[in-house]
Full PDB file with SEQRES, HELIX, SHEET, SSBOND, CRYST1, ORIGX, SCALE, CONECT and MASTER records, all heavy atoms in Angstrom:
SEQRES   1 A   40  THR GLY GLY GLN VAL LEU TYR VAL VAL ALA ILE ALA LEU          
SEQRES   2 A   40  PHE LEU MET TRP VAL LEU MET ILE GLU ARG TYR TRP PHE          
SEQRES   3 A   40  LEU THR ALA GLU PHE PRO ARG MET ARG ASN SER ILE VAL          
SEQRES   4 A   40  ALA                                                          
HELIX    1 AA1 VAL A    5  TRP A   25  1                                  21    
HELIX    2 AA2 PHE A   26  GLU A   30  3                                   5    
HELIX    3 AA3 PHE A   31  VAL A   39  1                                   9    
CRYST1    1.000    1.000    1.000  90.00  90.00  90.00 P 1           1          
ORIGX1      1.000000  0.000000  0.000000        0.00000                         
ORIGX2      0.000000  1.000000  0.000000        0.00000                         
ORIGX3      0.000000  0.000000  1.000000        0.00000                         
SCALE1      1.000000  0.000000  0.000000        0.00000                         
SCALE2      0.000000  1.000000  0.000000        0.00000                         
SCALE3      0.000000  0.000000  1.000000        0.00000                         
ATOM      1  N   THR A   1     -20.423   8.242  18.645  1.00  0.00           N  
ATOM      2  CA  THR A   1     -21.350   7.080  18.922  1.00  0.00           C  
ATOM      3  C   THR A   1     -20.511   5.820  19.201  1.00  0.00           C  
ATOM      4  O   THR A   1     -20.910   5.028  20.048  1.00  0.00           O  
ATOM      5  CB  THR A   1     -22.322   6.891  17.794  1.00  0.00           C  
ATOM      6  OG1 THR A   1     -23.021   8.096  17.504  1.00  0.00           O  
ATOM      7  CG2 THR A   1     -23.374   5.834  18.135  1.00  0.00           C  
ATOM      8  N   GLY A   2     -19.461   5.584  18.391  1.00  0.00           N  
ATOM      9  CA  GLY A   2     -18.767   4.343  18.516  1.00  0.00           C  
ATOM     10  C   GLY A   2     -17.638   4.417  19.507  1.00  0.00           C  
ATOM     11  O   GLY A   2     -17.101   3.332  19.863  1.00  0.00           O  
ATOM     12  N   GLY A   3     -17.145   5.527  19.935  1.00  0.00           N  
ATOM     13  CA  GLY A   3     -16.154   5.581  20.944  1.00  0.00           C  
ATOM     14  C   GLY A   3     -14.755   5.761  20.384  1.00  0.00           C  
ATOM     15  O   GLY A   3     -14.572   5.775  19.182  1.00  0.00           O  
ATOM     16  N   GLN A   4     -13.803   5.914  21.276  1.00  0.00           N  
ATOM     17  CA  GLN A   4     -12.426   6.255  20.873  1.00  0.00           C  
ATOM     18  C   GLN A   4     -11.704   5.144  20.149  1.00  0.00           C  
ATOM     19  O   GLN A   4     -10.736   5.385  19.439  1.00  0.00           O  
ATOM     20  CB  GLN A   4     -11.623   6.589  22.160  1.00  0.00           C  
ATOM     21  CG  GLN A   4     -12.193   7.821  22.915  1.00  0.00           C  
ATOM     22  CD  GLN A   4     -12.167   9.089  22.080  1.00  0.00           C  
ATOM     23  OE1 GLN A   4     -11.173   9.365  21.430  1.00  0.00           O  
ATOM     24  NE2 GLN A   4     -13.202   9.864  22.128  1.00  0.00           N  
ATOM     25  N   VAL A   5     -12.226   3.953  20.279  1.00  0.00           N  
ATOM     26  CA  VAL A   5     -11.564   2.789  19.609  1.00  0.00           C  
ATOM     27  C   VAL A   5     -11.648   2.950  18.058  1.00  0.00           C  
ATOM     28  O   VAL A   5     -10.773   2.459  17.330  1.00  0.00           O  
ATOM     29  CB  VAL A   5     -12.188   1.447  20.054  1.00  0.00           C  
ATOM     30  CG1 VAL A   5     -11.661   0.267  19.299  1.00  0.00           C  
ATOM     31  CG2 VAL A   5     -11.953   1.294  21.493  1.00  0.00           C  
ATOM     32  N   LEU A   6     -12.616   3.693  17.593  1.00  0.00           N  
ATOM     33  CA  LEU A   6     -12.752   3.932  16.138  1.00  0.00           C  
ATOM     34  C   LEU A   6     -11.533   4.675  15.600  1.00  0.00           C  
ATOM     35  O   LEU A   6     -11.189   4.517  14.413  1.00  0.00           O  
ATOM     36  CB  LEU A   6     -14.059   4.693  15.834  1.00  0.00           C  
ATOM     37  CG  LEU A   6     -15.322   3.825  15.980  1.00  0.00           C  
ATOM     38  CD1 LEU A   6     -16.496   4.708  15.635  1.00  0.00           C  
ATOM     39  CD2 LEU A   6     -15.247   2.638  15.045  1.00  0.00           C  
ATOM     40  N   TYR A   7     -10.926   5.487  16.413  1.00  0.00           N  
ATOM     41  CA  TYR A   7      -9.686   6.147  15.914  1.00  0.00           C  
ATOM     42  C   TYR A   7      -8.585   5.121  15.665  1.00  0.00           C  
ATOM     43  O   TYR A   7      -7.873   5.242  14.699  1.00  0.00           O  
ATOM     44  CB  TYR A   7      -9.227   7.201  16.925  1.00  0.00           C  
ATOM     45  CG  TYR A   7     -10.026   8.402  17.036  1.00  0.00           C  
ATOM     46  CD1 TYR A   7     -10.707   8.792  18.198  1.00  0.00           C  
ATOM     47  CD2 TYR A   7     -10.228   9.297  15.881  1.00  0.00           C  
ATOM     48  CE1 TYR A   7     -11.509   9.917  18.294  1.00  0.00           C  
ATOM     49  CE2 TYR A   7     -11.005  10.388  16.010  1.00  0.00           C  
ATOM     50  CZ  TYR A   7     -11.628  10.702  17.129  1.00  0.00           C  
ATOM     51  OH  TYR A   7     -12.402  11.836  17.206  1.00  0.00           O  
ATOM     52  N   VAL A   8      -8.475   4.096  16.511  1.00  0.00           N  
ATOM     53  CA  VAL A   8      -7.518   3.108  16.299  1.00  0.00           C  
ATOM     54  C   VAL A   8      -7.833   2.288  15.077  1.00  0.00           C  
ATOM     55  O   VAL A   8      -6.901   1.960  14.319  1.00  0.00           O  
ATOM     56  CB  VAL A   8      -7.391   2.190  17.550  1.00  0.00           C  
ATOM     57  CG1 VAL A   8      -6.296   1.116  17.379  1.00  0.00           C  
ATOM     58  CG2 VAL A   8      -7.087   3.026  18.823  1.00  0.00           C  
ATOM     59  N   VAL A   9      -9.090   1.935  14.836  1.00  0.00           N  
ATOM     60  CA  VAL A   9      -9.477   1.233  13.622  1.00  0.00           C  
ATOM     61  C   VAL A   9      -9.148   2.120  12.412  1.00  0.00           C  
ATOM     62  O   VAL A   9      -8.656   1.585  11.433  1.00  0.00           O  
ATOM     63  CB  VAL A   9     -10.979   0.922  13.598  1.00  0.00           C  
ATOM     64  CG1 VAL A   9     -11.469   0.402  12.304  1.00  0.00           C  
ATOM     65  CG2 VAL A   9     -11.298  -0.053  14.732  1.00  0.00           C  
ATOM     66  N   ALA A  10      -9.399   3.380  12.464  1.00  0.00           N  
ATOM     67  CA  ALA A  10      -9.112   4.301  11.385  1.00  0.00           C  
ATOM     68  C   ALA A  10      -7.592   4.384  11.055  1.00  0.00           C  
ATOM     69  O   ALA A  10      -7.227   4.353   9.947  1.00  0.00           O  
ATOM     70  CB  ALA A  10      -9.690   5.712  11.675  1.00  0.00           C  
ATOM     71  N   ILE A  11      -6.826   4.337  12.120  1.00  0.00           N  
ATOM     72  CA  ILE A  11      -5.291   4.407  11.878  1.00  0.00           C  
ATOM     73  C   ILE A  11      -4.859   3.116  11.267  1.00  0.00           C  
ATOM     74  O   ILE A  11      -4.083   3.150  10.307  1.00  0.00           O  
ATOM     75  CB  ILE A  11      -4.609   4.685  13.223  1.00  0.00           C  
ATOM     76  CG1 ILE A  11      -4.883   6.116  13.710  1.00  0.00           C  
ATOM     77  CG2 ILE A  11      -3.140   4.390  13.106  1.00  0.00           C  
ATOM     78  CD1 ILE A  11      -4.456   6.402  15.131  1.00  0.00           C  
ATOM     79  N   ALA A  12      -5.396   2.000  11.723  1.00  0.00           N  
ATOM     80  CA  ALA A  12      -5.002   0.704  11.149  1.00  0.00           C  
ATOM     81  C   ALA A  12      -5.434   0.619   9.708  1.00  0.00           C  
ATOM     82  O   ALA A  12      -4.732   0.125   8.796  1.00  0.00           O  
ATOM     83  CB  ALA A  12      -5.587  -0.453  11.931  1.00  0.00           C  
ATOM     84  N   LEU A  13      -6.651   1.082   9.417  1.00  0.00           N  
ATOM     85  CA  LEU A  13      -7.236   1.076   8.080  1.00  0.00           C  
ATOM     86  C   LEU A  13      -6.442   2.002   7.159  1.00  0.00           C  
ATOM     87  O   LEU A  13      -6.065   1.593   6.048  1.00  0.00           O  
ATOM     88  CB  LEU A  13      -8.669   1.510   8.060  1.00  0.00           C  
ATOM     89  CG  LEU A  13      -9.409   1.501   6.773  1.00  0.00           C  
ATOM     90  CD1 LEU A  13      -9.498   0.123   6.197  1.00  0.00           C  
ATOM     91  CD2 LEU A  13     -10.811   2.123   6.899  1.00  0.00           C  
ATOM     92  N   PHE A  14      -6.054   3.167   7.629  1.00  0.00           N  
ATOM     93  CA  PHE A  14      -5.266   4.082   6.814  1.00  0.00           C  
ATOM     94  C   PHE A  14      -3.885   3.494   6.485  1.00  0.00           C  
ATOM     95  O   PHE A  14      -3.477   3.539   5.363  1.00  0.00           O  
ATOM     96  CB  PHE A  14      -5.120   5.423   7.600  1.00  0.00           C  
ATOM     97  CG  PHE A  14      -4.239   6.399   6.898  1.00  0.00           C  
ATOM     98  CD1 PHE A  14      -4.746   7.090   5.780  1.00  0.00           C  
ATOM     99  CD2 PHE A  14      -2.998   6.680   7.324  1.00  0.00           C  
ATOM    100  CE1 PHE A  14      -3.961   8.008   5.128  1.00  0.00           C  
ATOM    101  CE2 PHE A  14      -2.141   7.547   6.633  1.00  0.00           C  
ATOM    102  CZ  PHE A  14      -2.684   8.301   5.503  1.00  0.00           C  
ATOM    103  N   LEU A  15      -3.269   2.985   7.475  1.00  0.00           N  
ATOM    104  CA  LEU A  15      -1.914   2.353   7.275  1.00  0.00           C  
ATOM    105  C   LEU A  15      -2.009   1.175   6.307  1.00  0.00           C  
ATOM    106  O   LEU A  15      -1.177   1.030   5.383  1.00  0.00           O  
ATOM    107  CB  LEU A  15      -1.341   1.885   8.592  1.00  0.00           C  
ATOM    108  CG  LEU A  15       0.073   1.391   8.583  1.00  0.00           C  
ATOM    109  CD1 LEU A  15       1.081   2.377   8.020  1.00  0.00           C  
ATOM    110  CD2 LEU A  15       0.481   0.948   9.997  1.00  0.00           C  
ATOM    111  N   MET A  16      -3.009   0.370   6.488  1.00  0.00           N  
ATOM    112  CA  MET A  16      -3.228  -0.744   5.567  1.00  0.00           C  
ATOM    113  C   MET A  16      -3.387  -0.321   4.128  1.00  0.00           C  
ATOM    114  O   MET A  16      -2.731  -0.850   3.263  1.00  0.00           O  
ATOM    115  CB  MET A  16      -4.458  -1.547   5.997  1.00  0.00           C  
ATOM    116  CG  MET A  16      -4.785  -2.785   5.184  1.00  0.00           C  
ATOM    117  SD  MET A  16      -6.130  -3.740   5.881  1.00  0.00           S  
ATOM    118  CE  MET A  16      -7.477  -2.611   5.690  1.00  0.00           C  
ATOM    119  N   TRP A  17      -4.207   0.683   3.920  1.00  0.00           N  
ATOM    120  CA  TRP A  17      -4.441   1.172   2.550  1.00  0.00           C  
ATOM    121  C   TRP A  17      -3.246   1.875   1.930  1.00  0.00           C  
ATOM    122  O   TRP A  17      -2.964   1.778   0.794  1.00  0.00           O  
ATOM    123  CB  TRP A  17      -5.683   2.049   2.479  1.00  0.00           C  
ATOM    124  CG  TRP A  17      -6.912   1.168   2.348  1.00  0.00           C  
ATOM    125  CD1 TRP A  17      -7.761   0.705   3.312  1.00  0.00           C  
ATOM    126  CD2 TRP A  17      -7.360   0.531   1.127  1.00  0.00           C  
ATOM    127  NE1 TRP A  17      -8.690  -0.125   2.792  1.00  0.00           N  
ATOM    128  CE2 TRP A  17      -8.437  -0.225   1.451  1.00  0.00           C  
ATOM    129  CE3 TRP A  17      -6.847   0.545  -0.137  1.00  0.00           C  
ATOM    130  CZ2 TRP A  17      -9.083  -1.031   0.506  1.00  0.00           C  
ATOM    131  CZ3 TRP A  17      -7.532  -0.254  -1.113  1.00  0.00           C  
ATOM    132  CH2 TRP A  17      -8.601  -1.013  -0.804  1.00  0.00           C  
ATOM    133  N   VAL A  18      -2.520   2.648   2.764  1.00  0.00           N  
ATOM    134  CA  VAL A  18      -1.267   3.233   2.237  1.00  0.00           C  
ATOM    135  C   VAL A  18      -0.325   2.189   1.802  1.00  0.00           C  
ATOM    136  O   VAL A  18       0.276   2.286   0.694  1.00  0.00           O  
ATOM    137  CB  VAL A  18      -0.633   4.176   3.334  1.00  0.00           C  
ATOM    138  CG1 VAL A  18       0.755   4.507   3.008  1.00  0.00           C  
ATOM    139  CG2 VAL A  18      -1.489   5.403   3.560  1.00  0.00           C  
ATOM    140  N   LEU A  19      -0.153   1.099   2.588  1.00  0.00           N  
ATOM    141  CA  LEU A  19       0.760   0.000   2.197  1.00  0.00           C  
ATOM    142  C   LEU A  19       0.260  -0.681   0.955  1.00  0.00           C  
ATOM    143  O   LEU A  19       1.079  -1.063   0.020  1.00  0.00           O  
ATOM    144  CB  LEU A  19       0.892  -0.982   3.335  1.00  0.00           C  
ATOM    145  CG  LEU A  19       1.706  -0.394   4.562  1.00  0.00           C  
ATOM    146  CD1 LEU A  19       1.614  -1.404   5.714  1.00  0.00           C  
ATOM    147  CD2 LEU A  19       3.139  -0.096   4.168  1.00  0.00           C  
ATOM    148  N   MET A  20      -1.071  -0.889   0.829  1.00  0.00           N  
ATOM    149  CA  MET A  20      -1.602  -1.618  -0.372  1.00  0.00           C  
ATOM    150  C   MET A  20      -1.474  -0.724  -1.584  1.00  0.00           C  
ATOM    151  O   MET A  20      -1.134  -1.234  -2.624  1.00  0.00           O  
ATOM    152  CB  MET A  20      -3.040  -2.032  -0.145  1.00  0.00           C  
ATOM    153  CG  MET A  20      -3.184  -3.279   0.788  1.00  0.00           C  
ATOM    154  SD  MET A  20      -4.824  -4.036   0.787  1.00  0.00           S  
ATOM    155  CE  MET A  20      -5.803  -2.793   1.514  1.00  0.00           C  
ATOM    156  N   ILE A  21      -1.670   0.535  -1.514  1.00  0.00           N  
ATOM    157  CA  ILE A  21      -1.508   1.434  -2.602  1.00  0.00           C  
ATOM    158  C   ILE A  21      -0.074   1.473  -3.036  1.00  0.00           C  
ATOM    159  O   ILE A  21       0.222   1.429  -4.246  1.00  0.00           O  
ATOM    160  CB  ILE A  21      -2.120   2.828  -2.269  1.00  0.00           C  
ATOM    161  CG1 ILE A  21      -3.615   2.801  -2.205  1.00  0.00           C  
ATOM    162  CG2 ILE A  21      -1.591   3.860  -3.335  1.00  0.00           C  
ATOM    163  CD1 ILE A  21      -4.232   4.067  -1.649  1.00  0.00           C  
ATOM    164  N   GLU A  22       0.809   1.475  -2.051  1.00  0.00           N  
ATOM    165  CA  GLU A  22       2.214   1.428  -2.407  1.00  0.00           C  
ATOM    166  C   GLU A  22       2.642   0.189  -3.139  1.00  0.00           C  
ATOM    167  O   GLU A  22       3.388   0.171  -4.102  1.00  0.00           O  
ATOM    168  CB  GLU A  22       3.102   1.611  -1.100  1.00  0.00           C  
ATOM    169  CG  GLU A  22       4.583   1.647  -1.323  1.00  0.00           C  
ATOM    170  CD  GLU A  22       5.290   0.360  -1.439  1.00  0.00           C  
ATOM    171  OE1 GLU A  22       4.786  -0.606  -0.893  1.00  0.00           O  
ATOM    172  OE2 GLU A  22       6.340   0.273  -2.160  1.00  0.00           O  
ATOM    173  N   ARG A  23       2.085  -0.950  -2.717  1.00  0.00           N  
ATOM    174  CA  ARG A  23       2.351  -2.205  -3.361  1.00  0.00           C  
ATOM    175  C   ARG A  23       1.793  -2.231  -4.827  1.00  0.00           C  
ATOM    176  O   ARG A  23       2.408  -2.785  -5.710  1.00  0.00           O  
ATOM    177  CB  ARG A  23       1.763  -3.377  -2.584  1.00  0.00           C  
ATOM    178  CG  ARG A  23       2.469  -3.712  -1.303  1.00  0.00           C  
ATOM    179  CD  ARG A  23       3.847  -4.372  -1.470  1.00  0.00           C  
ATOM    180  NE  ARG A  23       4.856  -3.416  -1.781  1.00  0.00           N  
ATOM    181  CZ  ARG A  23       6.054  -3.678  -2.370  1.00  0.00           C  
ATOM    182  NH1 ARG A  23       6.406  -4.872  -2.718  1.00  0.00           N  
ATOM    183  NH2 ARG A  23       6.936  -2.712  -2.557  1.00  0.00           N  
ATOM    184  N   TYR A  24       0.539  -1.710  -5.046  1.00  0.00           N  
ATOM    185  CA  TYR A  24       0.033  -1.613  -6.393  1.00  0.00           C  
ATOM    186  C   TYR A  24       0.890  -0.700  -7.198  1.00  0.00           C  
ATOM    187  O   TYR A  24       1.136  -1.019  -8.386  1.00  0.00           O  
ATOM    188  CB  TYR A  24      -1.413  -1.092  -6.305  1.00  0.00           C  
ATOM    189  CG  TYR A  24      -2.427  -2.146  -6.170  1.00  0.00           C  
ATOM    190  CD1 TYR A  24      -3.199  -2.240  -4.959  1.00  0.00           C  
ATOM    191  CD2 TYR A  24      -2.679  -3.055  -7.142  1.00  0.00           C  
ATOM    192  CE1 TYR A  24      -4.131  -3.209  -4.794  1.00  0.00           C  
ATOM    193  CE2 TYR A  24      -3.640  -4.090  -6.968  1.00  0.00           C  
ATOM    194  CZ  TYR A  24      -4.357  -4.102  -5.805  1.00  0.00           C  
ATOM    195  OH  TYR A  24      -5.248  -5.160  -5.640  1.00  0.00           O  
ATOM    196  N   TRP A  25       1.375   0.390  -6.628  1.00  0.00           N  
ATOM    197  CA  TRP A  25       2.298   1.278  -7.395  1.00  0.00           C  
ATOM    198  C   TRP A  25       3.546   0.529  -7.831  1.00  0.00           C  
ATOM    199  O   TRP A  25       4.003   0.618  -8.891  1.00  0.00           O  
ATOM    200  CB  TRP A  25       2.618   2.484  -6.561  1.00  0.00           C  
ATOM    201  CG  TRP A  25       3.662   3.354  -7.151  1.00  0.00           C  
ATOM    202  CD1 TRP A  25       4.998   3.339  -6.902  1.00  0.00           C  
ATOM    203  CD2 TRP A  25       3.524   4.259  -8.229  1.00  0.00           C  
ATOM    204  NE1 TRP A  25       5.672   4.209  -7.682  1.00  0.00           N  
ATOM    205  CE2 TRP A  25       4.766   4.847  -8.529  1.00  0.00           C  
ATOM    206  CE3 TRP A  25       2.423   4.708  -8.975  1.00  0.00           C  
ATOM    207  CZ2 TRP A  25       4.958   5.786  -9.546  1.00  0.00           C  
ATOM    208  CZ3 TRP A  25       2.609   5.644  -9.914  1.00  0.00           C  
ATOM    209  CH2 TRP A  25       3.845   6.144 -10.201  1.00  0.00           C  
ATOM    210  N   PHE A  26       4.093  -0.217  -6.830  1.00  0.00           N  
ATOM    211  CA  PHE A  26       5.305  -1.021  -7.169  1.00  0.00           C  
ATOM    212  C   PHE A  26       5.035  -1.984  -8.295  1.00  0.00           C  
ATOM    213  O   PHE A  26       5.863  -2.134  -9.217  1.00  0.00           O  
ATOM    214  CB  PHE A  26       5.823  -1.729  -5.928  1.00  0.00           C  
ATOM    215  CG  PHE A  26       7.087  -2.524  -6.185  1.00  0.00           C  
ATOM    216  CD1 PHE A  26       8.275  -1.923  -6.282  1.00  0.00           C  
ATOM    217  CD2 PHE A  26       6.954  -3.930  -6.351  1.00  0.00           C  
ATOM    218  CE1 PHE A  26       9.459  -2.757  -6.550  1.00  0.00           C  
ATOM    219  CE2 PHE A  26       8.098  -4.687  -6.634  1.00  0.00           C  
ATOM    220  CZ  PHE A  26       9.336  -4.063  -6.765  1.00  0.00           C  
ATOM    221  N   LEU A  27       3.918  -2.688  -8.211  1.00  0.00           N  
ATOM    222  CA  LEU A  27       3.618  -3.694  -9.201  1.00  0.00           C  
ATOM    223  C   LEU A  27       3.367  -3.112 -10.597  1.00  0.00           C  
ATOM    224  O   LEU A  27       3.720  -3.759 -11.588  1.00  0.00           O  
ATOM    225  CB  LEU A  27       2.403  -4.511  -8.786  1.00  0.00           C  
ATOM    226  CG  LEU A  27       2.700  -5.691  -7.808  1.00  0.00           C  
ATOM    227  CD1 LEU A  27       1.364  -6.176  -7.200  1.00  0.00           C  
ATOM    228  CD2 LEU A  27       3.456  -6.765  -8.454  1.00  0.00           C  
ATOM    229  N   THR A  28       2.758  -1.980 -10.654  1.00  0.00           N  
ATOM    230  CA  THR A  28       2.407  -1.397 -11.926  1.00  0.00           C  
ATOM    231  C   THR A  28       3.445  -0.456 -12.545  1.00  0.00           C  
ATOM    232  O   THR A  28       3.564  -0.358 -13.758  1.00  0.00           O  
ATOM    233  CB  THR A  28       1.037  -0.655 -11.902  1.00  0.00           C  
ATOM    234  OG1 THR A  28       1.153   0.349 -10.903  1.00  0.00           O  
ATOM    235  CG2 THR A  28      -0.070  -1.617 -11.540  1.00  0.00           C  
ATOM    236  N   ALA A  29       4.222   0.248 -11.665  1.00  0.00           N  
ATOM    237  CA  ALA A  29       5.168   1.212 -12.160  1.00  0.00           C  
ATOM    238  C   ALA A  29       6.620   0.806 -12.002  1.00  0.00           C  
ATOM    239  O   ALA A  29       7.421   0.975 -12.947  1.00  0.00           O  
ATOM    240  CB  ALA A  29       4.918   2.573 -11.523  1.00  0.00           C  
ATOM    241  N   GLU A  30       6.970   0.304 -10.873  1.00  0.00           N  
ATOM    242  CA  GLU A  30       8.327   0.019 -10.569  1.00  0.00           C  
ATOM    243  C   GLU A  30       8.838  -1.380 -11.039  1.00  0.00           C  
ATOM    244  O   GLU A  30       9.907  -1.514 -11.611  1.00  0.00           O  
ATOM    245  CB  GLU A  30       8.639   0.155  -9.046  1.00  0.00           C  
ATOM    246  CG  GLU A  30       8.300   1.512  -8.431  1.00  0.00           C  
ATOM    247  CD  GLU A  30       9.193   2.624  -8.975  1.00  0.00           C  
ATOM    248  OE1 GLU A  30      10.459   2.387  -9.168  1.00  0.00           O  
ATOM    249  OE2 GLU A  30       8.666   3.695  -9.229  1.00  0.00           O  
ATOM    250  N   PHE A  31       8.058  -2.398 -10.779  1.00  0.00           N  
ATOM    251  CA  PHE A  31       8.446  -3.671 -11.091  1.00  0.00           C  
ATOM    252  C   PHE A  31       8.640  -3.957 -12.531  1.00  0.00           C  
ATOM    253  O   PHE A  31       9.606  -4.642 -12.952  1.00  0.00           O  
ATOM    254  CB  PHE A  31       7.462  -4.775 -10.533  1.00  0.00           C  
ATOM    255  CG  PHE A  31       7.997  -6.194 -10.680  1.00  0.00           C  
ATOM    256  CD1 PHE A  31       9.022  -6.642  -9.951  1.00  0.00           C  
ATOM    257  CD2 PHE A  31       7.426  -7.003 -11.663  1.00  0.00           C  
ATOM    258  CE1 PHE A  31       9.597  -7.935 -10.179  1.00  0.00           C  
ATOM    259  CE2 PHE A  31       7.914  -8.284 -11.847  1.00  0.00           C  
ATOM    260  CZ  PHE A  31       8.971  -8.716 -11.073  1.00  0.00           C  
ATOM    261  N   PRO A  32       7.821  -3.369 -13.454  1.00  0.00           N  
ATOM    262  CA  PRO A  32       8.073  -3.669 -14.883  1.00  0.00           C  
ATOM    263  C   PRO A  32       9.497  -3.123 -15.301  1.00  0.00           C  
ATOM    264  O   PRO A  32      10.182  -3.803 -16.118  1.00  0.00           O  
ATOM    265  CB  PRO A  32       7.029  -2.801 -15.606  1.00  0.00           C  
ATOM    266  CG  PRO A  32       5.902  -2.904 -14.626  1.00  0.00           C  
ATOM    267  CD  PRO A  32       6.547  -2.773 -13.275  1.00  0.00           C  
ATOM    268  N   ARG A  33       9.966  -1.987 -14.755  1.00  0.00           N  
ATOM    269  CA  ARG A  33      11.305  -1.522 -15.076  1.00  0.00           C  
ATOM    270  C   ARG A  33      12.363  -2.491 -14.464  1.00  0.00           C  
ATOM    271  O   ARG A  33      13.300  -2.771 -15.147  1.00  0.00           O  
ATOM    272  CB  ARG A  33      11.507  -0.142 -14.481  1.00  0.00           C  
ATOM    273  CG  ARG A  33      10.801   0.924 -15.306  1.00  0.00           C  
ATOM    274  CD  ARG A  33      11.325   2.308 -14.904  1.00  0.00           C  
ATOM    275  NE  ARG A  33      10.967   2.689 -13.550  1.00  0.00           N  
ATOM    276  CZ  ARG A  33      10.004   3.477 -13.230  1.00  0.00           C  
ATOM    277  NH1 ARG A  33       9.233   4.004 -14.165  1.00  0.00           N  
ATOM    278  NH2 ARG A  33       9.708   3.801 -11.989  1.00  0.00           N  
ATOM    279  N   MET A  34      12.108  -2.941 -13.300  1.00  0.00           N  
ATOM    280  CA  MET A  34      13.034  -3.874 -12.610  1.00  0.00           C  
ATOM    281  C   MET A  34      13.089  -5.182 -13.524  1.00  0.00           C  
ATOM    282  O   MET A  34      14.184  -5.717 -13.717  1.00  0.00           O  
ATOM    283  CB  MET A  34      12.527  -4.199 -11.244  1.00  0.00           C  
ATOM    284  CG  MET A  34      13.468  -5.088 -10.457  1.00  0.00           C  
ATOM    285  SD  MET A  34      12.720  -5.319  -8.789  1.00  0.00           S  
ATOM    286  CE  MET A  34      13.813  -6.527  -8.191  1.00  0.00           C  
ATOM    287  N   ARG A  35      11.952  -5.655 -13.867  1.00  0.00           N  
ATOM    288  CA  ARG A  35      11.856  -6.865 -14.643  1.00  0.00           C  
ATOM    289  C   ARG A  35      12.622  -6.762 -15.990  1.00  0.00           C  
ATOM    290  O   ARG A  35      13.393  -7.600 -16.399  1.00  0.00           O  
ATOM    291  CB  ARG A  35      10.337  -7.212 -14.921  1.00  0.00           C  
ATOM    292  CG  ARG A  35      10.156  -8.441 -15.716  1.00  0.00           C  
ATOM    293  CD  ARG A  35       8.654  -8.668 -15.968  1.00  0.00           C  
ATOM    294  NE  ARG A  35       8.443  -9.623 -16.950  1.00  0.00           N  
ATOM    295  CZ  ARG A  35       8.502  -9.485 -18.290  1.00  0.00           C  
ATOM    296  NH1 ARG A  35       8.800  -8.314 -18.737  1.00  0.00           N  
ATOM    297  NH2 ARG A  35       8.270 -10.459 -19.115  1.00  0.00           N  
ATOM    298  N   ASN A  36      12.412  -5.574 -16.660  1.00  0.00           N  
ATOM    299  CA  ASN A  36      13.091  -5.342 -17.897  1.00  0.00           C  
ATOM    300  C   ASN A  36      14.579  -5.303 -17.737  1.00  0.00           C  
ATOM    301  O   ASN A  36      15.373  -5.740 -18.597  1.00  0.00           O  
ATOM    302  CB  ASN A  36      12.546  -4.070 -18.582  1.00  0.00           C  
ATOM    303  CG  ASN A  36      11.200  -4.161 -19.056  1.00  0.00           C  
ATOM    304  OD1 ASN A  36      10.634  -5.296 -19.190  1.00  0.00           O  
ATOM    305  ND2 ASN A  36      10.473  -3.048 -19.211  1.00  0.00           N  
ATOM    306  N   SER A  37      15.039  -4.737 -16.643  1.00  0.00           N  
ATOM    307  CA  SER A  37      16.477  -4.672 -16.374  1.00  0.00           C  
ATOM    308  C   SER A  37      17.068  -6.058 -16.124  1.00  0.00           C  
ATOM    309  O   SER A  37      18.155  -6.338 -16.638  1.00  0.00           O  
ATOM    310  CB  SER A  37      16.678  -3.775 -15.090  1.00  0.00           C  
ATOM    311  OG  SER A  37      17.985  -3.829 -14.659  1.00  0.00           O  
ATOM    312  N   ILE A  38      16.305  -6.818 -15.364  1.00  0.00           N  
ATOM    313  CA  ILE A  38      16.820  -8.247 -15.108  1.00  0.00           C  
ATOM    314  C   ILE A  38      16.863  -9.057 -16.417  1.00  0.00           C  
ATOM    315  O   ILE A  38      17.837  -9.717 -16.645  1.00  0.00           O  
ATOM    316  CB  ILE A  38      15.878  -8.920 -14.049  1.00  0.00           C  
ATOM    317  CG1 ILE A  38      16.097  -8.227 -12.685  1.00  0.00           C  
ATOM    318  CG2 ILE A  38      16.234 -10.394 -13.982  1.00  0.00           C  
ATOM    319  CD1 ILE A  38      15.070  -8.721 -11.655  1.00  0.00           C  
ATOM    320  N   VAL A  39      15.827  -8.927 -17.260  1.00  0.00           N  
ATOM    321  CA  VAL A  39      15.750  -9.691 -18.450  1.00  0.00           C  
ATOM    322  C   VAL A  39      16.905  -9.204 -19.448  1.00  0.00           C  
ATOM    323  O   VAL A  39      17.556  -9.985 -20.023  1.00  0.00           O  
ATOM    324  CB  VAL A  39      14.409  -9.509 -19.171  1.00  0.00           C  
ATOM    325  CG1 VAL A  39      14.396 -10.018 -20.587  1.00  0.00           C  
ATOM    326  CG2 VAL A  39      13.320 -10.235 -18.371  1.00  0.00           C  
ATOM    327  N   ALA A  40      17.106  -7.879 -19.448  1.00  0.00           N  
ATOM    328  CA  ALA A  40      18.225  -7.322 -20.282  1.00  0.00           C  
ATOM    329  C   ALA A  40      19.556  -7.853 -19.823  1.00  0.00           C  
ATOM    330  O   ALA A  40      20.457  -8.189 -20.613  1.00  0.00           O  
ATOM    331  CB  ALA A  40      18.159  -5.821 -20.286  1.00  0.00           C  
TER     332      ALA A  40                                                      
MASTER        0    0    0    3    0    0    0    6  331    1    0    4          
END                                                                             
């Protein structure tokens, strides 16, 4: 119903969410270790 442009919206949305999930992962799992290393 919406046309082929919706595929492009879906790709942009997918990429955006993959990047945001990666950033949340970095903030919650990776950065605390990095922070502790710097403080130590």
